[in-house]
């Protein structure tokens, strides 16, 4: 299962002390969640309209749009937001054929349950990040190192087959749980200078990868029943 996290090209700098005013962080969180929610609605439309051959073009376009957002986020925030919504649509192309295969094999209820589980898990991780004083610089650093190792292991497993799809999905869940906690904690700290669009992109990519991992695990369990 291909991962859809393209943030390794970004430089991350996290302060350790959380000292942002509560009103500031609440406003930033509301903006990030609002942008992310609209992004998921657009992704759902992209999934519905995705052609059977859409995975590779979608992946290429998503990758390019991530770089576009990185360049536009400060110079032109409105353009960055538009690019994020474009990315959300073409992410639907990238994952649409896979989701359609799951629907044909197991029914739409499986996809709905995976999405609901992902949403509940993201909510829990957000609450943890806001309830506890987390050294999220360390969490984010460990998460990014683990992501790099996971990518290397996934590529190696394509040749040596030492990881089952379920094992890879559990590892993906672990890695993106760390990244999600770090991203929510960063928002709690005021974003460290990042725009709402950049933070929404991070949360969005976290959720997409968690959703795909949960979908794989639920589909694998259903196939064994």
C-alpha atoms as a PDB file:
ATOM      1  CA  UNK A   1       0.000   0.000   0.000  1.00  0.00           C
ATOM      2  CA  UNK A   2       1.508   3.288  -1.118  1.00  0.00           C
ATOM      3  CA  UNK A   3       1.751   6.061   1.425  1.00  0.00           C
ATOM      4  CA  UNK A   4       0.649   9.555   0.558  1.00  0.00           C
ATOM      5  CA  UNK A   5       2.823  11.665   2.829  1.00  0.00           C
ATOM      6  CA  UNK A   6       4.936  14.136   0.857  1.00  0.00           C
ATOM      7  CA  UNK A   7       6.073  16.323   3.738  1.00  0.00           C
ATOM      8  CA  UNK A   8       9.625  15.001   3.910  1.00  0.00           C
ATOM      9  CA  UNK A   9      10.684  17.810   1.564  1.00  0.00           C
ATOM     10  CA  UNK A  10       9.639  20.401   4.156  1.00  0.00           C
ATOM     11  CA  UNK A  11      11.927  21.705   6.855  1.00  0.00           C
ATOM     12  CA  UNK A  12      10.288  21.320  10.251  1.00  0.00           C
ATOM     13  CA  UNK A  13      11.181  23.533  13.180  1.00  0.00           C
ATOM     14  CA  UNK A  14       9.286  23.039  16.429  1.00  0.00           C
ATOM     15  CA  UNK A  15       9.651  25.029  19.627  1.00  0.00           C
ATOM     16  CA  UNK A  16       9.521  22.956  22.780  1.00  0.00           C
ATOM     17  CA  UNK A  17       7.565  25.294  25.051  1.00  0.00           C
ATOM     18  CA  UNK A  18       3.839  25.759  24.511  1.00  0.00           C
ATOM     19  CA  UNK A  19       3.077  29.410  25.221  1.00  0.00           C
ATOM     20  CA  UNK A  20       0.607  30.537  22.552  1.00  0.00           C
ATOM     21  CA  UNK A  21      -2.540  32.259  23.842  1.00  0.00           C
ATOM     22  CA  UNK A  22      -5.596  30.014  24.031  1.00  0.00           C
ATOM     23  CA  UNK A  23      -7.687  32.281  21.779  1.00  0.00           C
ATOM     24  CA  UNK A  24      -4.978  32.240  19.116  1.00  0.00           C
ATOM     25  CA  UNK A  25      -4.676  28.448  19.098  1.00  0.00           C
ATOM     26  CA  UNK A  26      -8.449  27.971  19.125  1.00  0.00           C
ATOM     27  CA  UNK A  27      -8.817  30.205  16.082  1.00  0.00           C
ATOM     28  CA  UNK A  28      -5.978  28.437  14.264  1.00  0.00           C
ATOM     29  CA  UNK A  29      -7.417  25.011  15.073  1.00  0.00           C
ATOM     30  CA  UNK A  30     -10.835  26.073  13.758  1.00  0.00           C
ATOM     31  CA  UNK A  31      -9.280  27.300  10.495  1.00  0.00           C
ATOM     32  CA  UNK A  32      -7.210  24.130  10.063  1.00  0.00           C
ATOM     33  CA  UNK A  33     -10.141  21.799  10.752  1.00  0.00           C
ATOM     34  CA  UNK A  34     -12.412  23.820   8.472  1.00  0.00           C
ATOM     35  CA  UNK A  35      -9.961  23.692   5.566  1.00  0.00           C
ATOM     36  CA  UNK A  36      -9.323  19.989   6.173  1.00  0.00           C
ATOM     37  CA  UNK A  37     -13.049  19.171   6.282  1.00  0.00           C
ATOM     38  CA  UNK A  38     -13.658  20.914   2.946  1.00  0.00           C
ATOM     39  CA  UNK A  39     -10.654  19.045   1.560  1.00  0.00           C
ATOM     40  CA  UNK A  40     -12.156  15.693   2.501  1.00  0.00           C
ATOM     41  CA  UNK A  41     -15.472  16.605   0.884  1.00  0.00           C
ATOM     42  CA  UNK A  42     -13.605  17.457  -2.320  1.00  0.00           C
ATOM     43  CA  UNK A  43     -11.644  14.199  -2.045  1.00  0.00           C
ATOM     44  CA  UNK A  44     -14.904  12.244  -1.808  1.00  0.00           C
ATOM     45  CA  UNK A  45     -16.021  13.909  -5.053  1.00  0.00           C
ATOM     46  CA  UNK A  46     -12.647  13.039  -6.586  1.00  0.00           C
ATOM     47  CA  UNK A  47     -13.095   9.396  -5.583  1.00  0.00           C
ATOM     48  CA  UNK A  48     -16.533   9.256  -7.196  1.00  0.00           C
ATOM     49  CA  UNK A  49     -15.310  10.818 -10.446  1.00  0.00           C
ATOM     50  CA  UNK A  50     -11.911   9.078 -10.575  1.00  0.00           C
ATOM     51  CA  UNK A  51     -11.240   7.114 -13.777  1.00  0.00           C
ATOM     52  CA  UNK A  52      -9.971   3.554 -13.518  1.00  0.00           C
ATOM     53  CA  UNK A  53      -6.558   4.779 -14.697  1.00  0.00           C
ATOM     54  CA  UNK A  54      -6.468   7.709 -12.289  1.00  0.00           C
ATOM     55  CA  UNK A  55      -4.021   6.409  -9.671  1.00  0.00           C
ATOM     56  CA  UNK A  56      -0.726   7.310 -11.364  1.00  0.00           C
ATOM     57  CA  UNK A  57      -1.842  10.696 -12.781  1.00  0.00           C
ATOM     58  CA  UNK A  58      -3.388  11.511  -9.411  1.00  0.00           C
ATOM     59  CA  UNK A  59      -0.174  10.637  -7.585  1.00  0.00           C
ATOM     60  CA  UNK A  60       1.934  12.798  -9.923  1.00  0.00           C
ATOM     61  CA  UNK A  61      -0.436  15.758  -9.639  1.00  0.00           C
ATOM     62  CA  UNK A  62      -0.660  15.468  -5.840  1.00  0.00           C
ATOM     63  CA  UNK A  63       3.121  15.405  -5.567  1.00  0.00           C
ATOM     64  CA  UNK A  64       3.450  18.465  -7.768  1.00  0.00           C
ATOM     65  CA  UNK A  65       0.727  20.348  -5.878  1.00  0.00           C
ATOM     66  CA  UNK A  66       2.486  19.716  -2.555  1.00  0.00           C
ATOM     67  CA  UNK A  67       5.504  21.559  -3.919  1.00  0.00           C
ATOM     68  CA  UNK A  68       3.224  24.276  -5.261  1.00  0.00           C
ATOM     69  CA  UNK A  69       1.649  24.766  -1.841  1.00  0.00           C
ATOM     70  CA  UNK A  70       5.100  24.919  -0.254  1.00  0.00           C
ATOM     71  CA  UNK A  71       6.060  27.821  -2.522  1.00  0.00           C
ATOM     72  CA  UNK A  72       2.704  29.645  -2.435  1.00  0.00           C
ATOM     73  CA  UNK A  73       1.801  29.338   1.250  1.00  0.00           C
ATOM     74  CA  UNK A  74       3.569  32.576   2.269  1.00  0.00           C
ATOM     75  CA  UNK A  75       3.693  34.587  -0.952  1.00  0.00           C
ATOM     76  CA  UNK A  76       0.038  34.039  -1.842  1.00  0.00           C
ATOM     77  CA  UNK A  77      -2.139  32.347   0.833  1.00  0.00           C
ATOM     78  CA  UNK A  78      -5.227  32.401  -1.414  1.00  0.00           C
ATOM     79  CA  UNK A  79      -3.332  30.537  -4.131  1.00  0.00           C
ATOM     80  CA  UNK A  80      -2.054  28.079  -1.517  1.00  0.00           C
ATOM     81  CA  UNK A  81      -5.629  27.371  -0.434  1.00  0.00           C
ATOM     82  CA  UNK A  82      -6.744  26.858  -4.039  1.00  0.00           C
ATOM     83  CA  UNK A  83      -3.838  24.476  -4.641  1.00  0.00           C
ATOM     84  CA  UNK A  84      -4.766  22.536  -1.500  1.00  0.00           C
ATOM     85  CA  UNK A  85      -8.311  22.065  -2.767  1.00  0.00           C
ATOM     86  CA  UNK A  86      -6.922  20.963  -6.132  1.00  0.00           C
ATOM     87  CA  UNK A  87      -4.672  18.491  -4.315  1.00  0.00           C
ATOM     88  CA  UNK A  88      -7.691  17.208  -2.392  1.00  0.00           C
ATOM     89  CA  UNK A  89      -9.523  16.481  -5.642  1.00  0.00           C
ATOM     90  CA  UNK A  90      -6.654  14.665  -7.294  1.00  0.00           C
ATOM     91  CA  UNK A  91      -6.007  12.686  -4.108  1.00  0.00           C
ATOM     92  CA  UNK A  92      -9.454  11.274  -4.860  1.00  0.00           C
ATOM     93  CA  UNK A  93      -8.105  10.188  -8.242  1.00  0.00           C
ATOM     94  CA  UNK A  94      -5.084   8.589  -6.602  1.00  0.00           C
ATOM     95  CA  UNK A  95      -7.018   6.530  -4.064  1.00  0.00           C
ATOM     96  CA  UNK A  96     -10.321   6.255  -5.962  1.00  0.00           C
ATOM     97  CA  UNK A  97      -9.601   3.054  -7.934  1.00  0.00           C
ATOM     98  CA  UNK A  98      -8.430   1.340  -4.729  1.00  0.00           C
ATOM     99  CA  UNK A  99     -11.560   2.381  -2.841  1.00  0.00           C
ATOM    100  CA  UNK A 100     -13.759   1.240  -5.716  1.00  0.00           C
ATOM    101  CA  UNK A 101     -12.116  -2.191  -5.563  1.00  0.00           C
ATOM    102  CA  UNK A 102     -12.871  -2.436  -1.853  1.00  0.00           C
ATOM    103  CA  UNK A 103     -16.471  -1.405  -2.448  1.00  0.00           C
ATOM    104  CA  UNK A 104     -16.910  -4.035  -5.165  1.00  0.00           C
ATOM    105  CA  UNK A 105     -15.284  -6.726  -3.020  1.00  0.00           C
ATOM    106  CA  UNK A 106     -16.788  -5.960   0.403  1.00  0.00           C
ATOM    107  CA  UNK A 107     -19.468  -3.308  -0.004  1.00  0.00           C
ATOM    108  CA  UNK A 108     -19.594   0.389   0.790  1.00  0.00           C
ATOM    109  CA  UNK A 109     -20.092  -0.271   4.521  1.00  0.00           C
ATOM    110  CA  UNK A 110     -16.423  -1.263   4.830  1.00  0.00           C
ATOM    111  CA  UNK A 111     -15.264   2.082   3.443  1.00  0.00           C
ATOM    112  CA  UNK A 112     -17.716   3.946   5.669  1.00  0.00           C
ATOM    113  CA  UNK A 113     -16.514   2.061   8.763  1.00  0.00           C
ATOM    114  CA  UNK A 114     -12.876   2.777   7.885  1.00  0.00           C
ATOM    115  CA  UNK A 115     -13.642   6.481   7.438  1.00  0.00           C
ATOM    116  CA  UNK A 116     -15.589   6.623  10.723  1.00  0.00           C
ATOM    117  CA  UNK A 117     -12.797   4.819  12.573  1.00  0.00           C
ATOM    118  CA  UNK A 118     -10.239   7.233  11.119  1.00  0.00           C
ATOM    119  CA  UNK A 119     -12.324  10.236  12.157  1.00  0.00           C
ATOM    120  CA  UNK A 120     -12.728   8.929  15.688  1.00  0.00           C
ATOM    121  CA  UNK A 121      -9.017   8.168  15.950  1.00  0.00           C
ATOM    122  CA  UNK A 122      -8.038  11.624  14.710  1.00  0.00           C
ATOM    123  CA  UNK A 123     -10.370  13.184  17.292  1.00  0.00           C
ATOM    124  CA  UNK A 124      -8.785  11.160  20.087  1.00  0.00           C
ATOM    125  CA  UNK A 125      -5.269  12.107  18.983  1.00  0.00           C
ATOM    126  CA  UNK A 126      -6.282  15.750  18.806  1.00  0.00           C
ATOM    127  CA  UNK A 127      -7.644  15.599  22.347  1.00  0.00           C
ATOM    128  CA  UNK A 128      -4.465  13.943  23.612  1.00  0.00           C
ATOM    129  CA  UNK A 129      -2.372  16.679  22.006  1.00  0.00           C
ATOM    130  CA  UNK A 130      -4.437  19.390  23.665  1.00  0.00           C
ATOM    131  CA  UNK A 131      -4.802  17.747  27.075  1.00  0.00           C
ATOM    132  CA  UNK A 132      -1.165  16.856  27.672  1.00  0.00           C
ATOM    133  CA  UNK A 133       1.992  18.935  27.531  1.00  0.00           C
ATOM    134  CA  UNK A 134       3.809  17.035  24.796  1.00  0.00           C
ATOM    135  CA  UNK A 135       7.366  17.639  23.673  1.00  0.00           C
ATOM    136  CA  UNK A 136       6.164  17.519  20.113  1.00  0.00           C
ATOM    137  CA  UNK A 137       9.538  18.423  18.631  1.00  0.00           C
ATOM    138  CA  UNK A 138      10.757  15.047  19.819  1.00  0.00           C
ATOM    139  CA  UNK A 139       7.532  13.313  18.723  1.00  0.00           C
ATOM    140  CA  UNK A 140       7.736  14.839  15.253  1.00  0.00           C
ATOM    141  CA  UNK A 141      11.414  13.947  14.924  1.00  0.00           C
ATOM    142  CA  UNK A 142      10.810  10.326  15.883  1.00  0.00           C
ATOM    143  CA  UNK A 143       7.794  10.195  13.579  1.00  0.00           C
ATOM    144  CA  UNK A 144       9.692  11.485  10.554  1.00  0.00           C
ATOM    145  CA  UNK A 145      12.588   9.091  11.186  1.00  0.00           C
ATOM    146  CA  UNK A 146      10.116   6.225  11.509  1.00  0.00           C
ATOM    147  CA  UNK A 147       8.416   7.305   8.274  1.00  0.00           C
ATOM    148  CA  UNK A 148      11.719   7.184   6.411  1.00  0.00           C
ATOM    149  CA  UNK A 149      12.429   3.701   7.780  1.00  0.00           C
ATOM    150  CA  UNK A 150       8.911   2.587   6.867  1.00  0.00           C
ATOM    151  CA  UNK A 151       9.332   3.778   3.285  1.00  0.00           C
ATOM    152  CA  UNK A 152      12.663   1.953   3.003  1.00  0.00           C
ATOM    153  CA  UNK A 153      11.154  -1.208   4.525  1.00  0.00           C
ATOM    154  CA  UNK A 154       8.196  -1.013   2.152  1.00  0.00           C
ATOM    155  CA  UNK A 155      10.446  -0.745  -0.898  1.00  0.00           C
ATOM    156  CA  UNK A 156      12.656  -3.593   0.343  1.00  0.00           C
ATOM    157  CA  UNK A 157       9.622  -5.753   1.064  1.00  0.00           C
ATOM    158  CA  UNK A 158       8.524  -5.425  -2.556  1.00  0.00           C
ATOM    159  CA  UNK A 159      11.578  -7.521  -3.445  1.00  0.00           C
ATOM    160  CA  UNK A 160      12.075  -9.729  -0.369  1.00  0.00           C
ATOM    161  CA  UNK A 161       8.472 -10.042   0.875  1.00  0.00           C
ATOM    162  CA  UNK A 162       9.233  -9.921   4.594  1.00  0.00           C
ATOM    163  CA  UNK A 163       6.257  -7.706   5.479  1.00  0.00           C
ATOM    164  CA  UNK A 164       2.649  -8.770   5.057  1.00  0.00           C
ATOM    165  CA  UNK A 165       0.123  -6.101   4.002  1.00  0.00           C
ATOM    166  CA  UNK A 166      -1.411  -6.191   7.491  1.00  0.00           C
ATOM    167  CA  UNK A 167       1.968  -5.813   9.197  1.00  0.00           C
ATOM    168  CA  UNK A 168       2.789  -2.851   6.971  1.00  0.00           C
ATOM    169  CA  UNK A 169      -0.580  -1.297   7.747  1.00  0.00           C
ATOM    170  CA  UNK A 170      -0.045  -1.618  11.510  1.00  0.00           C
ATOM    171  CA  UNK A 171       3.367   0.029  11.162  1.00  0.00           C
ATOM    172  CA  UNK A 172       1.784   2.784   9.075  1.00  0.00           C
ATOM    173  CA  UNK A 173      -0.793   3.378  11.792  1.00  0.00           C
ATOM    174  CA  UNK A 174       1.943   3.680  14.391  1.00  0.00           C
ATOM    175  CA  UNK A 175       4.020   6.120  12.349  1.00  0.00           C
ATOM    176  CA  UNK A 176       1.136   8.379  11.400  1.00  0.00           C
ATOM    177  CA  UNK A 177      -0.230   8.333  14.920  1.00  0.00           C
ATOM    178  CA  UNK A 178       3.039   9.930  16.025  1.00  0.00           C
ATOM    179  CA  UNK A 179       2.932  12.432  13.179  1.00  0.00           C
ATOM    180  CA  UNK A 180      -0.699  13.322  13.900  1.00  0.00           C
ATOM    181  CA  UNK A 181      -0.032  13.936  17.589  1.00  0.00           C
ATOM    182  CA  UNK A 182       2.943  16.096  16.632  1.00  0.00           C
ATOM    183  CA  UNK A 183       0.899  18.069  14.111  1.00  0.00           C
ATOM    184  CA  UNK A 184      -1.951  18.738  16.536  1.00  0.00           C
ATOM    185  CA  UNK A 185       0.538  19.726  19.232  1.00  0.00           C
ATOM    186  CA  UNK A 186       2.134  22.127  16.785  1.00  0.00           C
ATOM    187  CA  UNK A 187      -1.254  23.746  16.220  1.00  0.00           C
ATOM    188  CA  UNK A 188      -1.720  24.001  19.990  1.00  0.00           C
ATOM    189  CA  UNK A 189       1.568  25.905  20.126  1.00  0.00           C
ATOM    190  CA  UNK A 190       0.348  28.424  17.571  1.00  0.00           C
ATOM    191  CA  UNK A 191       1.695  26.754  14.440  1.00  0.00           C
ATOM    192  CA  UNK A 192       5.290  27.965  14.788  1.00  0.00           C
ATOM    193  CA  UNK A 193       4.811  30.390  11.908  1.00  0.00           C
ATOM    194  CA  UNK A 194       3.135  27.897   9.572  1.00  0.00           C
ATOM    195  CA  UNK A 195       0.000  28.956   7.717  1.00  0.00           C
ATOM    196  CA  UNK A 196      -3.367  27.322   8.309  1.00  0.00           C
ATOM    197  CA  UNK A 197      -3.150  25.781   4.825  1.00  0.00           C
ATOM    198  CA  UNK A 198       0.230  24.149   5.564  1.00  0.00           C
ATOM    199  CA  UNK A 199      -1.038  22.758   8.864  1.00  0.00           C
ATOM    200  CA  UNK A 200      -4.236  21.541   7.208  1.00  0.00           C
ATOM    201  CA  UNK A 201      -2.150  19.774   4.564  1.00  0.00           C
ATOM    202  CA  UNK A 202      -0.207  17.932   7.268  1.00  0.00           C
ATOM    203  CA  UNK A 203      -3.366  16.856   9.118  1.00  0.00           C
ATOM    204  CA  UNK A 204      -5.015  15.890   5.824  1.00  0.00           C
ATOM    205  CA  UNK A 205      -2.118  13.671   4.742  1.00  0.00           C
ATOM    206  CA  UNK A 206      -1.980  12.073   8.190  1.00  0.00           C
ATOM    207  CA  UNK A 207      -5.661  11.201   7.980  1.00  0.00           C
ATOM    208  CA  UNK A 208      -5.443   9.861   4.412  1.00  0.00           C
ATOM    209  CA  UNK A 209      -2.653   7.461   5.356  1.00  0.00           C
ATOM    210  CA  UNK A 210      -4.418   6.337   8.525  1.00  0.00           C
ATOM    211  CA  UNK A 211      -7.616   5.768   6.535  1.00  0.00           C
ATOM    212  CA  UNK A 212      -5.817   3.643   3.933  1.00  0.00           C
ATOM    213  CA  UNK A 213      -4.131   1.580   6.656  1.00  0.00           C
ATOM    214  CA  UNK A 214      -7.440   1.017   8.475  1.00  0.00           C
ATOM    215  CA  UNK A 215      -9.124   0.116   5.184  1.00  0.00           C
ATOM    216  CA  UNK A 216      -6.434  -2.485   4.468  1.00  0.00           C
ATOM    217  CA  UNK A 217      -6.769  -3.997   7.931  1.00  0.00           C
ATOM    218  CA  UNK A 218     -10.565  -4.145   7.779  1.00  0.00           C
ATOM    219  CA  UNK A 219     -10.479  -5.573   4.280  1.00  0.00           C
ATOM    220  CA  UNK A 220      -7.921  -8.199   5.295  1.00  0.00           C
ATOM    221  CA  UNK A 221     -10.029  -9.251   8.267  1.00  0.00           C
ATOM    222  CA  UNK A 222     -13.151  -9.429   6.115  1.00  0.00           C
ATOM    223  CA  UNK A 223     -11.383 -11.627   3.554  1.00  0.00           C
ATOM    224  CA  UNK A 224     -10.373 -14.077   6.303  1.00  0.00           C
ATOM    225  CA  UNK A 225     -13.902 -14.396   7.708  1.00  0.00           C
END
